[in-house]
Amino acid sequence: MDPTIIGAMIQAAGTLADNLLQKWSKSEGEPDAQTEKIGDVMKCHYDDLREGLTVRQVKILKCLRDTVHEPRVLPIRREVYPELQMDVQEAKRFDNEFKYRLEYLTVLGLARHAGASEYALTNLGALFLQEAKTRKDYKPVLL
């Protein structure tokens, strides 16, 4: 199944996932029924999502997870491509292309807009990273 279709199917879970992320970070007991449902969705569709994500896209998700504030395109790009050296004009063009990767992650429900030009990880994105680490996928990124 096409990863974009899977992303659209679970897009609705993205809004719910944001609320659950807040609940998750505050509660220490058993996960509630909604959290378990989203976890079940991730386990069922993880392989479909994995087919549509490159190592660099997972690195973007990890960057969103590890950042305290919602980053803009430039800091994320510098984290994902630290070796790139470009002049200002090339960097602007590249950042516009790089933004496409972030928008793709939002379509899949793994990231969300957090303002005019900032991005944040959704609960679904956090669950994807957790499942990837459990399955030992994307080893260069999720060690």
Protein backbone atom coordinates (compact mmCIF):
# COMPACT_ATOMS: atom_id res chain seq x y z
CA MET A 1 0.00 0.00 0.00
CA ASP A 2 1.24 3.49 -0.84
CA PRO A 3 2.79 5.21 2.21
CA THR A 4 0.99 8.45 1.35
CA ILE A 5 -2.36 6.67 1.54
CA ILE A 6 -1.37 5.11 4.85
CA GLY A 7 -0.36 8.57 6.05
CA ALA A 8 -3.74 9.96 5.04
CA MET A 9 -5.49 7.10 6.83
CA ILE A 10 -3.69 7.82 10.04
CA GLN A 11 -3.64 11.61 9.65
CA ALA A 12 -6.68 11.75 11.91
CA ALA A 13 -4.63 9.97 14.53
CA GLY A 14 -2.09 12.81 14.34
CA THR A 15 -4.34 15.28 16.14
CA LEU A 16 -5.20 12.70 18.72
CA ALA A 17 -1.53 11.80 18.94
CA ASP A 18 -0.53 15.33 19.94
CA ASN A 19 -2.91 15.20 22.88
CA LEU A 20 -1.66 11.78 23.83
CA LEU A 21 1.93 12.97 23.79
CA GLN A 22 1.06 15.44 26.52
CA LYS A 23 -0.78 12.75 28.48
CA TRP A 24 2.11 10.32 28.02
CA SER A 25 4.69 12.67 29.39
CA LYS A 26 2.59 13.32 32.50
CA SER A 27 1.25 9.87 33.39
CA GLU A 28 3.32 7.08 34.79
CA GLY A 29 0.63 4.40 35.00
CA GLU A 30 -0.75 2.06 32.39
CA PRO A 31 -1.33 3.59 28.95
CA ASP A 32 -4.94 4.53 28.32
CA ALA A 33 -7.09 2.95 25.60
CA GLN A 34 -6.41 5.74 23.07
CA THR A 35 -2.65 5.39 23.49
CA GLU A 36 -2.91 1.65 23.00
CA LYS A 37 -5.00 2.14 19.84
CA ILE A 38 -2.43 4.48 18.30
CA GLY A 39 0.30 2.03 19.28
CA ASP A 40 -1.66 -0.73 17.57
CA VAL A 41 -2.04 1.40 14.44
CA MET A 42 1.70 1.97 14.40
CA LYS A 43 2.50 -1.70 14.79
CA CYS A 44 0.09 -2.61 11.98
CA HIS A 45 1.31 0.07 9.56
CA TYR A 46 4.94 0.47 10.58
CA ASP A 47 6.23 -1.57 7.64
CA ASP A 48 4.17 0.49 5.18
CA LEU A 49 5.51 3.73 6.61
CA ARG A 50 9.04 2.37 6.73
CA GLU A 51 8.98 1.72 2.98
CA GLY A 52 8.35 5.41 2.36
CA LEU A 53 11.00 6.84 4.70
CA THR A 54 14.68 7.26 4.02
CA VAL A 55 17.41 7.37 6.65
CA ARG A 56 17.60 11.16 6.28
CA GLN A 57 13.85 11.52 6.88
CA VAL A 58 14.16 9.44 10.05
CA LYS A 59 17.06 11.69 11.02
CA ILE A 60 14.68 14.65 10.65
CA LEU A 61 12.17 12.91 12.96
CA LYS A 62 14.94 12.27 15.47
CA CYS A 63 16.00 15.91 15.27
CA LEU A 64 12.41 16.99 15.96
CA ARG A 65 12.25 14.59 18.91
CA ASP A 66 15.54 15.73 20.42
CA THR A 67 14.94 19.46 20.04
CA VAL A 68 13.42 21.27 23.02
CA HIS A 69 11.77 23.98 20.91
CA GLU A 70 10.09 23.67 17.54
CA PRO A 71 12.88 24.15 14.99
CA ARG A 72 12.71 25.90 11.66
CA VAL A 73 13.93 24.45 8.38
CA LEU A 74 17.52 25.77 8.58
CA PRO A 75 18.51 24.21 11.94
CA ILE A 76 16.96 20.90 10.92
CA ARG A 77 18.77 20.96 7.59
CA ARG A 78 22.07 21.70 9.34
CA GLU A 79 21.49 18.74 11.66
CA VAL A 80 20.63 16.35 8.83
CA TYR A 81 23.29 17.62 6.42
CA PRO A 82 26.13 18.92 8.64
CA GLU A 83 28.71 18.47 5.89
CA LEU A 84 26.99 20.75 3.36
CA GLN A 85 28.75 24.00 2.56
CA MET A 86 26.83 26.41 0.32
CA ASP A 87 26.64 30.09 -0.43
CA VAL A 88 23.54 31.98 0.69
CA GLN A 89 21.66 31.71 -2.62
CA GLU A 90 22.29 27.97 -2.95
CA ALA A 91 21.26 27.47 0.68
CA LYS A 92 17.95 29.25 0.12
CA ARG A 93 17.16 27.10 -2.91
CA PHE A 94 18.20 23.95 -1.08
CA ASP A 95 16.15 24.86 2.00
CA ASN A 96 13.08 25.28 -0.18
CA GLU A 97 13.65 21.77 -1.53
CA PHE A 98 14.45 20.46 1.95
CA LYS A 99 11.15 21.82 3.24
CA TYR A 100 9.47 19.30 0.96
CA ARG A 101 10.79 16.51 3.21
CA LEU A 102 9.25 18.16 6.25
CA GLU A 103 5.95 18.62 4.46
CA TYR A 104 5.98 14.95 3.43
CA LEU A 105 6.39 13.98 7.09
CA THR A 106 3.42 16.17 8.00
CA VAL A 107 1.28 14.47 5.33
CA LEU A 108 2.17 11.12 6.88
CA GLY A 109 1.17 12.44 10.31
CA LEU A 110 4.65 11.94 11.77
CA ALA A 111 5.37 15.67 12.10
CA ARG A 112 3.18 18.74 12.37
CA HIS A 113 3.36 22.47 11.86
CA ALA A 114 4.06 24.32 15.09
CA GLY A 115 3.68 27.87 13.91
CA ALA A 116 4.29 29.63 10.62
CA SER A 117 7.61 27.96 9.81
CA GLU A 118 8.37 25.61 12.70
CA TYR A 119 7.82 21.88 12.92
CA ALA A 120 7.27 19.44 15.77
CA LEU A 121 7.11 15.69 16.17
CA THR A 122 3.67 14.15 16.64
CA ASN A 123 2.96 11.29 18.98
CA LEU A 124 2.66 9.09 15.93
CA GLY A 125 6.17 10.17 14.90
CA ALA A 126 7.46 9.37 18.38
CA LEU A 127 5.84 5.94 18.20
CA PHE A 128 7.41 5.38 14.78
CA LEU A 129 10.87 6.17 16.17
CA GLN A 130 10.23 3.90 19.16
CA GLU A 131 9.11 1.04 16.93
CA ALA A 132 12.08 1.56 14.59
CA LYS A 133 14.45 1.41 17.54
CA THR A 134 12.74 -1.71 18.90
CA ARG A 135 13.08 -3.40 15.50
CA LYS A 136 16.67 -2.12 15.16
CA ASP A 137 15.88 -0.33 11.91
CA TYR A 138 17.74 2.79 10.79
CA LYS A 139 20.77 1.77 12.86
CA PRO A 140 23.01 4.66 11.78
CA VAL A 141 20.45 7.13 13.12
CA LEU A 142 18.78 5.38 16.06
CA LEU A 143 21.64 3.79 17.95
